[in-house]
């Protein structure tokens, strides 16, 4: 059982060691699956297992908590319909921190709230601009929140980082989604 505060942050995990071993075991089983056609994937998973084994308890708890905190609506459930300007913290692949500016649109839809957030920002080159090109980060998030139950039913986060400009630009894009499927009995 995951114990959360009113904002949805993790306080404690019952049988934390057992939960951690199940997660680690599931990843180890994927790493040991020799029938998978991608050997590089298997090596990356094996490296991940080794890394997980070495983590201190507070980092293990943070990883476990991050899995559940993604579905707890917390303050999202209190959002009111409308559009507002927002800022979001972000970090480049090199670790430089910045603030992204954008907007958030909240609208009711089919008994839930749909929250759409778009933000972007540029990170200036470091002290040696001829060596370190500028970067742009763009984040787009769409969430469907059941305010009555306090759950994020669906979420899609797309993050695009562009380093450099013109033909020399390099772009990395990640998309993370989750969806809760309600069991009907």
N, C-alpha and C. Protein backbone atom coordinates (compact mmCIF):
# COMPACT_ATOMS: atom_id res chain seq x y z
N UNK A 1 0.84 -1.17 0.00
CA UNK A 1 0.00 0.00 0.00
C UNK A 1 0.89 1.24 0.00
N UNK A 2 0.56 2.21 -0.84
CA UNK A 2 1.26 3.47 -0.90
C UNK A 2 0.50 4.48 -0.05
N UNK A 3 1.16 5.11 0.88
CA UNK A 3 0.54 6.13 1.73
C UNK A 3 0.94 7.50 1.19
N UNK A 4 -0.08 8.31 0.85
CA UNK A 4 0.15 9.61 0.24
C UNK A 4 -0.43 10.72 1.10
N UNK A 5 0.13 11.93 0.96
CA UNK A 5 -0.46 13.07 1.66
C UNK A 5 -1.58 13.64 0.80
N UNK A 6 -2.22 14.71 1.25
CA UNK A 6 -3.36 15.28 0.55
C UNK A 6 -3.01 15.81 -0.83
N UNK A 7 -1.74 16.14 -1.07
CA UNK A 7 -1.29 16.63 -2.37
C UNK A 7 -0.89 15.49 -3.30
N UNK A 8 -0.92 14.24 -2.81
CA UNK A 8 -0.55 13.10 -3.62
C UNK A 8 0.91 12.73 -3.55
N UNK A 9 1.67 13.33 -2.63
CA UNK A 9 3.09 13.00 -2.48
C UNK A 9 3.24 11.78 -1.58
N UNK A 10 4.22 10.97 -1.90
CA UNK A 10 4.46 9.73 -1.18
C UNK A 10 4.97 9.98 0.24
N UNK A 11 4.33 9.34 1.22
CA UNK A 11 4.79 9.40 2.60
C UNK A 11 5.51 8.11 2.99
N UNK A 12 4.93 6.98 2.63
CA UNK A 12 5.50 5.68 2.99
C UNK A 12 4.93 4.60 2.07
N UNK A 13 5.62 3.45 2.05
CA UNK A 13 5.18 2.30 1.27
C UNK A 13 5.20 1.10 2.20
N UNK A 14 4.04 0.45 2.36
CA UNK A 14 4.00 -0.78 3.14
C UNK A 14 4.78 -1.86 2.37
N UNK A 15 5.56 -2.67 3.09
CA UNK A 15 6.36 -3.73 2.46
C UNK A 15 7.22 -3.19 1.32
N UNK A 16 7.87 -2.06 1.57
CA UNK A 16 8.65 -1.39 0.53
C UNK A 16 9.72 -2.30 -0.08
N UNK A 17 10.40 -3.07 0.75
CA UNK A 17 11.45 -3.96 0.23
C UNK A 17 10.86 -4.99 -0.73
N UNK A 18 9.70 -5.50 -0.40
CA UNK A 18 9.06 -6.50 -1.25
C UNK A 18 8.62 -5.87 -2.59
N UNK A 19 8.06 -4.67 -2.53
CA UNK A 19 7.64 -3.98 -3.75
C UNK A 19 8.86 -3.70 -4.64
N UNK A 20 9.96 -3.26 -4.01
CA UNK A 20 11.18 -2.98 -4.77
C UNK A 20 11.71 -4.25 -5.44
N UNK A 21 11.71 -5.35 -4.73
CA UNK A 21 12.22 -6.61 -5.30
C UNK A 21 11.35 -7.08 -6.45
N UNK A 22 10.04 -6.83 -6.37
CA UNK A 22 9.15 -7.22 -7.48
C UNK A 22 9.45 -6.39 -8.73
N UNK A 23 9.67 -5.09 -8.55
CA UNK A 23 10.00 -4.24 -9.68
C UNK A 23 11.33 -4.66 -10.29
N UNK A 24 12.34 -4.80 -9.44
CA UNK A 24 13.66 -5.22 -9.89
C UNK A 24 13.60 -6.58 -10.57
N UNK A 25 12.83 -7.50 -10.00
CA UNK A 25 12.68 -8.83 -10.58
C UNK A 25 12.01 -8.81 -11.94
N UNK A 26 11.02 -7.94 -12.12
CA UNK A 26 10.34 -7.84 -13.42
C UNK A 26 11.30 -7.33 -14.49
N UNK A 27 12.12 -6.35 -14.13
CA UNK A 27 13.10 -5.83 -15.10
C UNK A 27 14.17 -6.87 -15.38
N UNK A 28 14.62 -7.60 -14.34
CA UNK A 28 15.62 -8.65 -14.53
C UNK A 28 15.07 -9.75 -15.44
N UNK A 29 13.79 -10.08 -15.30
CA UNK A 29 13.19 -11.11 -16.16
C UNK A 29 13.18 -10.65 -17.62
N UNK A 30 12.89 -9.37 -17.85
CA UNK A 30 12.92 -8.85 -19.22
C UNK A 30 14.35 -8.90 -19.77
N UNK A 31 15.32 -8.60 -18.92
CA UNK A 31 16.73 -8.62 -19.35
C UNK A 31 17.17 -10.04 -19.69
N UNK A 32 16.62 -11.02 -19.00
CA UNK A 32 17.03 -12.42 -19.21
C UNK A 32 16.28 -13.08 -20.36
N UNK A 33 15.30 -12.40 -20.94
CA UNK A 33 14.50 -12.97 -22.03
C UNK A 33 15.32 -13.02 -23.31
N UNK A 34 15.95 -14.14 -23.56
CA UNK A 34 16.82 -14.28 -24.73
C UNK A 34 16.03 -14.37 -26.04
N UNK A 35 14.71 -14.51 -25.97
CA UNK A 35 13.92 -14.60 -27.20
C UNK A 35 13.68 -13.23 -27.82
N UNK A 36 14.00 -12.16 -27.08
CA UNK A 36 13.78 -10.81 -27.63
C UNK A 36 14.77 -10.56 -28.76
N UNK A 37 14.30 -10.02 -29.88
CA UNK A 37 15.17 -9.86 -31.05
C UNK A 37 16.19 -8.72 -30.95
N UNK A 38 16.13 -7.91 -29.89
CA UNK A 38 17.02 -6.75 -29.80
C UNK A 38 18.03 -6.94 -28.67
N UNK A 39 19.25 -7.44 -28.97
CA UNK A 39 20.24 -7.69 -27.91
C UNK A 39 20.67 -6.42 -27.17
N UNK A 40 20.67 -5.28 -27.86
CA UNK A 40 21.07 -4.03 -27.19
C UNK A 40 20.08 -3.69 -26.07
N UNK A 41 18.80 -3.95 -26.32
CA UNK A 41 17.77 -3.72 -25.30
C UNK A 41 18.05 -4.58 -24.07
N UNK A 42 18.42 -5.83 -24.31
CA UNK A 42 18.69 -6.73 -23.20
C UNK A 42 19.88 -6.24 -22.37
N UNK A 43 20.91 -5.74 -23.03
CA UNK A 43 22.07 -5.23 -22.31
C UNK A 43 21.70 -3.99 -21.51
N UNK A 44 20.90 -3.10 -22.08
CA UNK A 44 20.48 -1.90 -21.36
C UNK A 44 19.67 -2.27 -20.12
N UNK A 45 18.79 -3.27 -20.25
CA UNK A 45 17.99 -3.71 -19.10
C UNK A 45 18.89 -4.34 -18.03
N UNK A 46 19.87 -5.12 -18.43
CA UNK A 46 20.80 -5.72 -17.47
C UNK A 46 21.58 -4.64 -16.72
N UNK A 47 21.99 -3.61 -17.43
CA UNK A 47 22.69 -2.48 -16.80
C UNK A 47 21.75 -1.77 -15.83
N UNK A 48 20.50 -1.61 -16.22
CA UNK A 48 19.51 -0.98 -15.34
C UNK A 48 19.34 -1.78 -14.05
N UNK A 49 19.27 -3.10 -14.16
CA UNK A 49 19.13 -3.95 -12.97
C UNK A 49 20.31 -3.74 -12.03
N UNK A 50 21.52 -3.71 -12.58
CA UNK A 50 22.72 -3.48 -11.76
C UNK A 50 22.64 -2.13 -11.07
N UNK A 51 22.22 -1.12 -11.80
CA UNK A 51 22.08 0.22 -11.22
C UNK A 51 21.04 0.23 -10.11
N UNK A 52 19.90 -0.42 -10.35
CA UNK A 52 18.83 -0.46 -9.34
C UNK A 52 19.29 -1.14 -8.05
N UNK A 53 20.12 -2.17 -8.19
CA UNK A 53 20.61 -2.90 -7.01
C UNK A 53 21.47 -2.01 -6.12
N UNK A 54 22.11 -1.01 -6.69
CA UNK A 54 23.05 -0.16 -5.94
C UNK A 54 22.40 1.09 -5.36
N UNK A 55 21.15 1.35 -5.67
CA UNK A 55 20.52 2.58 -5.20
C UNK A 55 20.26 2.56 -3.71
N UNK A 56 20.47 3.71 -3.04
CA UNK A 56 20.14 3.79 -1.62
C UNK A 56 18.62 3.83 -1.44
N UNK A 57 18.14 3.53 -0.23
CA UNK A 57 16.70 3.45 0.03
C UNK A 57 15.90 4.70 -0.36
N UNK A 58 16.44 5.90 -0.14
CA UNK A 58 15.68 7.11 -0.48
C UNK A 58 15.46 7.23 -1.99
N UNK A 59 16.43 6.82 -2.80
CA UNK A 59 16.25 6.86 -4.25
C UNK A 59 15.29 5.77 -4.72
N UNK A 60 15.35 4.62 -4.07
CA UNK A 60 14.39 3.55 -4.40
C UNK A 60 12.96 4.03 -4.14
N UNK A 61 12.77 4.65 -2.99
CA UNK A 61 11.44 5.15 -2.61
C UNK A 61 10.97 6.21 -3.60
N UNK A 62 11.88 7.07 -4.04
CA UNK A 62 11.52 8.11 -5.02
C UNK A 62 11.07 7.48 -6.34
N UNK A 63 11.74 6.44 -6.77
CA UNK A 63 11.36 5.76 -8.02
C UNK A 63 9.99 5.12 -7.87
N UNK A 64 9.77 4.40 -6.78
CA UNK A 64 8.47 3.77 -6.55
C UNK A 64 7.37 4.83 -6.45
N UNK A 65 7.65 5.90 -5.73
CA UNK A 65 6.66 6.96 -5.56
C UNK A 65 6.32 7.64 -6.87
N UNK A 66 7.30 7.80 -7.74
CA UNK A 66 7.04 8.48 -9.01
C UNK A 66 6.03 7.71 -9.86
N UNK A 67 5.97 6.40 -9.68
CA UNK A 67 5.02 5.61 -10.45
C UNK A 67 3.58 5.89 -10.02
N UNK A 68 3.36 6.06 -8.73
CA UNK A 68 2.00 6.27 -8.23
C UNK A 68 1.62 7.75 -8.27
N UNK A 69 2.59 8.63 -8.04
CA UNK A 69 2.29 10.06 -8.02
C UNK A 69 1.78 10.56 -9.36
N UNK A 70 2.09 9.87 -10.44
CA UNK A 70 1.64 10.28 -11.77
C UNK A 70 0.13 10.15 -11.95
N UNK A 71 -0.52 9.32 -11.13
CA UNK A 71 -1.96 9.15 -11.30
C UNK A 71 -2.78 9.86 -10.24
N UNK A 72 -2.13 10.46 -9.24
CA UNK A 72 -2.85 11.18 -8.20
C UNK A 72 -3.01 12.63 -8.65
N UNK A 73 -4.25 13.08 -8.73
CA UNK A 73 -4.51 14.42 -9.27
C UNK A 73 -4.05 15.53 -8.34
N UNK A 74 -4.14 15.34 -7.03
CA UNK A 74 -3.74 16.41 -6.11
C UNK A 74 -4.39 17.72 -6.48
N UNK A 75 -3.61 18.81 -6.59
CA UNK A 75 -4.17 20.13 -6.91
C UNK A 75 -4.78 20.23 -8.31
N UNK A 76 -4.45 19.31 -9.21
CA UNK A 76 -5.06 19.35 -10.55
C UNK A 76 -6.58 19.24 -10.47
N UNK A 77 -7.07 18.49 -9.48
CA UNK A 77 -8.52 18.27 -9.35
C UNK A 77 -9.25 19.57 -9.01
N UNK A 78 -8.54 20.58 -8.52
CA UNK A 78 -9.15 21.85 -8.13
C UNK A 78 -9.10 22.91 -9.23
N UNK A 79 -8.52 22.59 -10.38
CA UNK A 79 -8.41 23.57 -11.46
C UNK A 79 -9.80 24.01 -11.93
N UNK A 80 -9.92 25.26 -12.26
CA UNK A 80 -11.18 25.82 -12.77
C UNK A 80 -11.07 26.00 -14.28
N UNK A 81 -12.18 25.81 -15.01
CA UNK A 81 -12.14 25.99 -16.46
C UNK A 81 -11.65 27.39 -16.84
N UNK A 82 -10.89 27.44 -17.92
CA UNK A 82 -10.37 28.71 -18.42
C UNK A 82 -8.96 28.56 -18.94
N UNK A 83 -8.38 29.68 -19.35
CA UNK A 83 -7.03 29.71 -19.88
C UNK A 83 -6.19 30.62 -19.00
N UNK A 84 -4.97 30.21 -18.70
CA UNK A 84 -4.10 31.06 -17.89
C UNK A 84 -2.65 30.87 -18.33
N UNK A 85 -1.85 31.90 -18.08
CA UNK A 85 -0.42 31.83 -18.36
C UNK A 85 0.25 31.00 -17.28
N UNK A 86 1.25 30.23 -17.66
CA UNK A 86 1.96 29.37 -16.70
C UNK A 86 3.46 29.44 -16.93
N UNK A 87 4.21 28.99 -15.93
CA UNK A 87 5.64 28.75 -16.07
C UNK A 87 5.91 27.35 -15.55
N UNK A 88 6.89 26.69 -16.13
CA UNK A 88 7.28 25.34 -15.70
C UNK A 88 8.79 25.27 -15.65
N UNK A 89 9.34 24.63 -14.62
CA UNK A 89 10.79 24.43 -14.60
C UNK A 89 11.18 23.36 -15.62
N UNK A 90 12.38 23.47 -16.15
CA UNK A 90 12.88 22.47 -17.10
C UNK A 90 14.39 22.43 -17.01
N UNK A 91 14.94 21.38 -17.61
CA UNK A 91 16.40 21.19 -17.60
C UNK A 91 16.81 20.64 -18.96
N UNK A 92 17.92 21.15 -19.47
CA UNK A 92 18.45 20.66 -20.75
C UNK A 92 19.12 19.31 -20.52
N UNK A 93 19.42 18.58 -21.60
CA UNK A 93 20.17 17.33 -21.44
C UNK A 93 21.51 17.55 -20.72
N UNK A 94 22.09 18.74 -20.87
CA UNK A 94 23.35 19.04 -20.21
C UNK A 94 23.19 19.47 -18.76
N UNK A 95 21.96 19.60 -18.27
CA UNK A 95 21.73 19.93 -16.88
C UNK A 95 21.44 21.39 -16.59
N UNK A 96 21.46 22.25 -17.61
CA UNK A 96 21.16 23.67 -17.40
C UNK A 96 19.67 23.84 -17.10
N UNK A 97 19.36 24.60 -16.04
CA UNK A 97 17.97 24.81 -15.66
C UNK A 97 17.42 26.07 -16.30
N UNK A 98 16.13 26.06 -16.58
CA UNK A 98 15.46 27.22 -17.15
C UNK A 98 13.99 27.19 -16.73
N UNK A 99 13.28 28.22 -17.13
CA UNK A 99 11.84 28.29 -16.90
C UNK A 99 11.17 28.36 -18.26
N UNK A 100 10.20 27.49 -18.47
CA UNK A 100 9.43 27.51 -19.71
C UNK A 100 8.18 28.34 -19.47
N UNK A 101 7.80 29.11 -20.45
CA UNK A 101 6.60 29.94 -20.35
C UNK A 101 5.59 29.45 -21.37
N UNK A 102 4.31 29.50 -20.98
CA UNK A 102 3.28 29.05 -21.90
C UNK A 102 1.91 29.30 -21.35
N UNK A 103 0.98 28.41 -21.69
CA UNK A 103 -0.40 28.57 -21.23
C UNK A 103 -1.01 27.22 -20.89
N UNK A 104 -2.05 27.29 -20.10
CA UNK A 104 -2.80 26.10 -19.69
C UNK A 104 -4.27 26.38 -19.99
N UNK A 105 -4.92 25.40 -20.59
CA UNK A 105 -6.35 25.48 -20.88
C UNK A 105 -7.03 24.35 -20.11
N UNK A 106 -8.03 24.70 -19.31
CA UNK A 106 -8.79 23.71 -18.54
C UNK A 106 -10.23 23.77 -19.03
N UNK A 107 -10.77 22.60 -19.40
CA UNK A 107 -12.15 22.55 -19.87
C UNK A 107 -12.83 21.28 -19.37
N UNK A 108 -14.11 21.38 -19.02
CA UNK A 108 -14.84 20.18 -18.61
C UNK A 108 -15.16 19.33 -19.85
N UNK A 109 -15.09 18.01 -19.68
CA UNK A 109 -15.40 17.11 -20.79
C UNK A 109 -15.80 15.75 -20.24
N UNK A 110 -17.02 15.33 -20.50
CA UNK A 110 -17.51 14.00 -20.14
C UNK A 110 -17.24 13.64 -18.68
N UNK A 111 -17.64 14.51 -17.77
CA UNK A 111 -17.51 14.22 -16.34
C UNK A 111 -16.10 14.33 -15.80
N UNK A 112 -15.20 14.90 -16.57
CA UNK A 112 -13.81 15.05 -16.13
C UNK A 112 -13.33 16.45 -16.51
N UNK A 113 -12.12 16.77 -16.11
CA UNK A 113 -11.46 17.99 -16.55
C UNK A 113 -10.37 17.60 -17.55
N UNK A 114 -10.28 18.32 -18.63
CA UNK A 114 -9.17 18.13 -19.57
C UNK A 114 -8.27 19.35 -19.39
N UNK A 115 -7.01 19.07 -19.09
CA UNK A 115 -6.04 20.13 -18.86
C UNK A 115 -4.95 20.00 -19.92
N UNK A 116 -4.82 21.05 -20.74
CA UNK A 116 -3.81 21.05 -21.80
C UNK A 116 -2.81 22.16 -21.51
N UNK A 117 -1.55 21.78 -21.44
CA UNK A 117 -0.48 22.72 -21.12
C UNK A 117 0.55 22.71 -22.24
N UNK A 118 0.90 23.90 -22.70
CA UNK A 118 1.97 24.04 -23.69
C UNK A 118 2.92 25.10 -23.18
N UNK A 119 4.22 24.78 -23.16
CA UNK A 119 5.22 25.73 -22.70
C UNK A 119 6.52 25.50 -23.45
N UNK A 120 7.30 26.56 -23.60
CA UNK A 120 8.58 26.45 -24.27
C UNK A 120 9.52 27.50 -23.75
N UNK A 121 10.81 27.27 -24.01
CA UNK A 121 11.81 28.24 -23.59
C UNK A 121 13.14 27.96 -24.25
N UNK A 122 13.94 29.01 -24.35
CA UNK A 122 15.28 28.89 -24.93
C UNK A 122 16.29 28.95 -23.81
N UNK A 123 17.36 28.22 -24.02
CA UNK A 123 18.47 28.28 -23.08
C UNK A 123 19.64 28.83 -23.87
N UNK A 124 20.15 29.95 -23.42
CA UNK A 124 21.27 30.58 -24.12
C UNK A 124 22.50 29.69 -24.01
N UNK A 125 23.38 29.86 -24.96
CA UNK A 125 24.63 29.11 -24.94
C UNK A 125 25.39 29.44 -23.67
N UNK A 126 26.22 28.52 -23.26
CA UNK A 126 27.04 28.73 -22.07
C UNK A 126 28.04 29.85 -22.33
N UNK A 127 29.02 29.99 -21.50
CA UNK A 127 29.99 31.09 -21.63
C UNK A 127 30.79 31.04 -22.91
N UNK A 128 30.76 29.91 -23.59
CA UNK A 128 31.48 29.79 -24.86
C UNK A 128 30.49 29.47 -25.97
N UNK A 129 29.75 30.48 -26.45
CA UNK A 129 28.67 30.23 -27.42
C UNK A 129 29.14 29.58 -28.70
N UNK A 130 30.39 29.78 -29.11
CA UNK A 130 30.87 29.14 -30.34
C UNK A 130 31.08 27.64 -30.14
N UNK A 131 31.10 27.18 -28.87
CA UNK A 131 31.28 25.75 -28.58
C UNK A 131 29.94 25.12 -28.19
N UNK A 132 29.14 25.83 -27.42
CA UNK A 132 27.87 25.29 -26.93
C UNK A 132 26.71 25.99 -27.63
N UNK A 133 26.00 25.30 -28.51
CA UNK A 133 24.89 25.94 -29.22
C UNK A 133 23.69 26.16 -28.29
N UNK A 134 22.81 27.09 -28.64
CA UNK A 134 21.62 27.31 -27.83
C UNK A 134 20.68 26.12 -27.93
N UNK A 135 19.81 26.01 -26.95
CA UNK A 135 18.83 24.91 -26.94
C UNK A 135 17.44 25.48 -26.73
N UNK A 136 16.46 24.79 -27.29
CA UNK A 136 15.07 25.15 -27.07
C UNK A 136 14.36 23.92 -26.54
N UNK A 137 13.54 24.11 -25.52
CA UNK A 137 12.78 23.02 -24.93
C UNK A 137 11.30 23.35 -25.08
N UNK A 138 10.52 22.40 -25.55
CA UNK A 138 9.08 22.56 -25.67
C UNK A 138 8.40 21.37 -24.99
N UNK A 139 7.40 21.67 -24.17
CA UNK A 139 6.67 20.62 -23.46
C UNK A 139 5.18 20.81 -23.73
N UNK A 140 4.53 19.72 -24.07
CA UNK A 140 3.09 19.71 -24.29
C UNK A 140 2.50 18.59 -23.44
N UNK A 141 1.54 18.94 -22.58
CA UNK A 141 0.94 17.95 -21.67
C UNK A 141 -0.57 18.00 -21.83
N UNK A 142 -1.17 16.83 -21.94
CA UNK A 142 -2.64 16.73 -21.97
C UNK A 142 -3.03 15.72 -20.90
N UNK A 143 -3.90 16.15 -19.97
CA UNK A 143 -4.34 15.28 -18.88
C UNK A 143 -5.86 15.28 -18.80
N UNK A 144 -6.40 14.12 -18.51
CA UNK A 144 -7.84 14.00 -18.24
C UNK A 144 -7.96 13.59 -16.78
N UNK A 145 -8.60 14.47 -16.00
CA UNK A 145 -8.62 14.31 -14.55
C UNK A 145 -10.04 14.06 -14.06
N UNK A 146 -10.21 13.01 -13.26
CA UNK A 146 -11.48 12.75 -12.57
C UNK A 146 -11.37 13.45 -11.22
N UNK A 147 -11.91 14.66 -11.14
CA UNK A 147 -11.78 15.47 -9.93
C UNK A 147 -12.48 14.82 -8.74
N UNK A 148 -13.59 14.16 -8.99
CA UNK A 148 -14.34 13.53 -7.89
C UNK A 148 -13.53 12.43 -7.22
N UNK A 149 -12.79 11.66 -7.99
CA UNK A 149 -11.98 10.57 -7.43
C UNK A 149 -10.53 10.97 -7.18
N UNK A 150 -10.14 12.14 -7.67
CA UNK A 150 -8.76 12.61 -7.45
C UNK A 150 -7.73 11.85 -8.25
N UNK A 151 -8.11 11.39 -9.45
CA UNK A 151 -7.19 10.59 -10.27
C UNK A 151 -6.93 11.24 -11.62
N UNK A 152 -5.70 11.10 -12.09
CA UNK A 152 -5.38 11.47 -13.46
C UNK A 152 -5.66 10.22 -14.29
N UNK A 153 -6.76 10.24 -15.04
CA UNK A 153 -7.18 9.06 -15.79
C UNK A 153 -6.31 8.81 -17.01
N UNK A 154 -5.90 9.89 -17.66
CA UNK A 154 -5.03 9.78 -18.84
C UNK A 154 -4.05 10.94 -18.81
N UNK A 155 -2.87 10.69 -19.31
CA UNK A 155 -1.87 11.74 -19.41
C UNK A 155 -0.95 11.45 -20.59
N UNK A 156 -0.62 12.50 -21.31
CA UNK A 156 0.34 12.39 -22.42
C UNK A 156 1.27 13.59 -22.32
N UNK A 157 2.55 13.33 -22.15
CA UNK A 157 3.55 14.39 -22.07
C UNK A 157 4.53 14.23 -23.22
N UNK A 158 4.63 15.26 -24.02
CA UNK A 158 5.59 15.26 -25.13
C UNK A 158 6.61 16.35 -24.86
N UNK A 159 7.88 15.97 -24.91
CA UNK A 159 8.97 16.92 -24.65
C UNK A 159 9.91 16.87 -25.85
N UNK A 160 10.19 18.04 -26.41
CA UNK A 160 11.10 18.14 -27.54
C UNK A 160 12.23 19.09 -27.17
N UNK A 161 13.44 18.63 -27.33
CA UNK A 161 14.62 19.47 -27.09
C UNK A 161 15.36 19.60 -28.41
N UNK A 162 15.61 20.84 -28.79
CA UNK A 162 16.36 21.12 -30.01
C UNK A 162 17.64 21.83 -29.61
N UNK A 163 18.76 21.28 -30.01
CA UNK A 163 20.06 21.88 -29.71
C UNK A 163 20.68 22.34 -31.03
N UNK A 164 21.03 23.61 -31.08
CA UNK A 164 21.60 24.17 -32.29
C UNK A 164 20.52 24.73 -33.19
N UNK A 165 20.94 25.24 -34.34
CA UNK A 165 19.99 25.85 -35.28
C UNK A 165 20.32 25.40 -36.70
N UNK A 166 19.36 25.63 -37.57
CA UNK A 166 19.55 25.34 -38.99
C UNK A 166 19.81 23.86 -39.26
N UNK A 167 20.66 23.59 -40.25
CA UNK A 167 20.91 22.21 -40.65
C UNK A 167 21.72 21.43 -39.61
N UNK A 168 22.38 22.16 -38.70
CA UNK A 168 23.18 21.49 -37.66
C UNK A 168 22.36 21.17 -36.42
N UNK A 169 21.09 21.53 -36.42
CA UNK A 169 20.25 21.30 -35.24
C UNK A 169 20.05 19.81 -34.98
N UNK A 170 20.07 19.45 -33.71
CA UNK A 170 19.77 18.07 -33.28
C UNK A 170 18.51 18.13 -32.44
N UNK A 171 17.59 17.20 -32.68
CA UNK A 171 16.31 17.21 -32.00
C UNK A 171 16.09 15.87 -31.31
N UNK A 172 15.66 15.95 -30.06
CA UNK A 172 15.28 14.74 -29.31
C UNK A 172 13.83 14.92 -28.86
N UNK A 173 13.05 13.89 -29.02
CA UNK A 173 11.63 13.95 -28.66
C UNK A 173 11.28 12.73 -27.83
N UNK A 174 10.57 12.97 -26.73
CA UNK A 174 10.08 11.84 -25.94
C UNK A 174 8.59 12.04 -25.69
N UNK A 175 7.88 10.93 -25.65
CA UNK A 175 6.45 10.96 -25.36
C UNK A 175 6.19 9.92 -24.27
N UNK A 176 5.56 10.37 -23.19
CA UNK A 176 5.22 9.47 -22.10
C UNK A 176 3.71 9.52 -21.91
N UNK A 177 3.08 8.35 -21.90
CA UNK A 177 1.62 8.31 -21.72
C UNK A 177 1.28 7.33 -20.61
N UNK A 178 0.16 7.57 -19.99
CA UNK A 178 -0.43 6.57 -19.09
C UNK A 178 -1.94 6.72 -19.15
N UNK A 179 -2.59 5.63 -18.86
CA UNK A 179 -4.05 5.61 -18.91
C UNK A 179 -4.55 4.61 -17.87
N UNK A 180 -5.51 5.03 -17.08
CA UNK A 180 -6.13 4.13 -16.13
C UNK A 180 -7.38 3.55 -16.79
N UNK A 181 -7.45 2.25 -16.80
CA UNK A 181 -8.62 1.58 -17.35
C UNK A 181 -9.45 1.09 -16.17
N UNK A 182 -10.65 1.65 -16.04
CA UNK A 182 -11.49 1.28 -14.90
C UNK A 182 -12.07 -0.11 -15.11
N UNK A 183 -11.95 -0.89 -14.07
CA UNK A 183 -12.47 -2.25 -14.11
C UNK A 183 -13.97 -2.22 -13.83
N UNK A 184 -14.73 -2.83 -14.71
CA UNK A 184 -16.17 -2.90 -14.54
C UNK A 184 -16.50 -4.31 -14.06
N UNK A 185 -17.19 -4.39 -12.93
CA UNK A 185 -17.51 -5.73 -12.43
C UNK A 185 -18.98 -5.99 -12.46
